[in-house]
Amino acid sequence: MRLPPTRVTNFIAALTVACWALVAISGLDAQAWVSGGFVPARIAGYVEPNALPIWITPLTTTLLHGGIVHLAFNMMMLVFCGRMVEAIVGPAGFAILYVLGAYAAAAAQYIVDPIDASPMIGASGAISAIFGAYALLYGRPRGFANHPRLGAAVNILWLAAAWIGVQFLMGIAFAEIGMAIATAAHVGGFLAGLALLRPLMMVRHK
């Protein structure tokens, strides 16, 4: 199957790579992470001098990455899954899914640790929403052929449980080598992708 041009996916990937390159070349990585990263504690009143308004940081944090490996992995996931999802939900639906996924990821991270003063960076939360939609679109449903609605519900629950389990294990594994990942953000983004896919498809095809 030949997919239509996936302009939004390509635009987001290009913008993210360009922002990473500019920050890396400037040598202001740490300052950019603090200024543009999502800091949960700021919602409760923690003050970070020279930081962007808190309401925009769930989006700006998607443009910041910890290194070339972090960026490359996220962009690989975005381009591979994004082009398949954008072909189904359309450019506008894809943009909505990505943006709401970023905010859902930030909200989940805040709920888990509202006093965390360290910046969350990376597009993983927003991309998790894309991956959630991709998994729902192209994953193999779990039985219940005679009960399609029940089968769809079980499939969603199965995908959610599997993703949460994988993220929990990854969090433990990375913690043991001294690296922290935003597990809650990944889960929040993925759940947003599961929840938003069908409404976006209905809006596009009605």
Foldseek 3Di string as FASTA:
>chain_A
DDFDDQVLLVVLLVQLVVLAVVCVVVVVQVVQLLQQFAFLQVVVPDDDPNHDPNVCSLPSLQSHDDDDVLSVVLSVLSVVLVRVLCSQLPNVLSVVLLVVQSVLLSVQLCVVPNNGGGGAHHSLSSSLLSVLLSCLVPPDFDDPPVPVVVRSVVRNVVVLVVLLVVLVVVQVVQVVVPDHHSSRSSSRSNNSSNVSSVVSNVVVPD
